Amino acid sequence: MKEVKKKLAFLESELVKELLEIATVKEISKGTVVLREEQYVKVLPVVINGLVKVYSRFEDRELLLYYIQPQESCVMSFSAFNQKEPSKIFAITEEDSKVLLLPVEKMNTWLKAYPSLNNLFYRQYSLRYAELLETIHQLLLKKMDTRLFDYLVAKKKLTNQDFLKISHLQIANDLGTVREVISRVMKKLETEGRVKQLYHGVQLLS
């Protein structure tokens, strides 16, 4: 629990004490669905370590909206809980993760009693709004080679690794396109000397 307390140090000590007594700490394997579409939210996740990807689905396409990093939560789930609506997103662990699951039946009490919890979600709203605007900008104005390279650079920063163990299909799912498009554009980036394609993934060169 020391790691959990350390990650929650930005919250009031009394709130942390209550969270450790009531909330659930869960170790979740890579590739596990944490939040599902069209389900009412019963718990709100706070990532302790690891990384979680949040997607929206448009017809038969998926689009990566944002990542939930340590000390962050999911504002789309918070909004669904607040509006008493089914979730419009789904979330999957990008890597093995430890997540604190806050029961929604306690949220209103905690939000009224502890300003730091309000601040957490206000900060997340601001951050996600900026990220969603950038996603819209990418979709409307940027070519796929720029979108793909920006995606790889962002992933490198998140994972602190030059070699990204990821398939063309996974990238296509994140960017809301098809594998054939990613394969073609990746080849273009490789020809330009910006990436090197390897058997299990891709390495950034610039």
Foldseek 3Di string as FASTA:
>chain_A
DVLQCVLCVLWDPVVSVVLVVPWDKDWDAAFDKDADFQAQDFWKKAWSAAKKWKWADDVPAIATQDMHHHRATDLQNVVCNVVVGTGRIIMGTNGTTIIIIHGSVCVVVCVVVIVSVVVRNVVVVVVSVVSNVVLVCCVPPNDPLVVLLVVLVVVCVVVVDQWDQDALQRSCRHHGHHSVVSVVSVVVCVVVVQWDDDDRTIGGDD
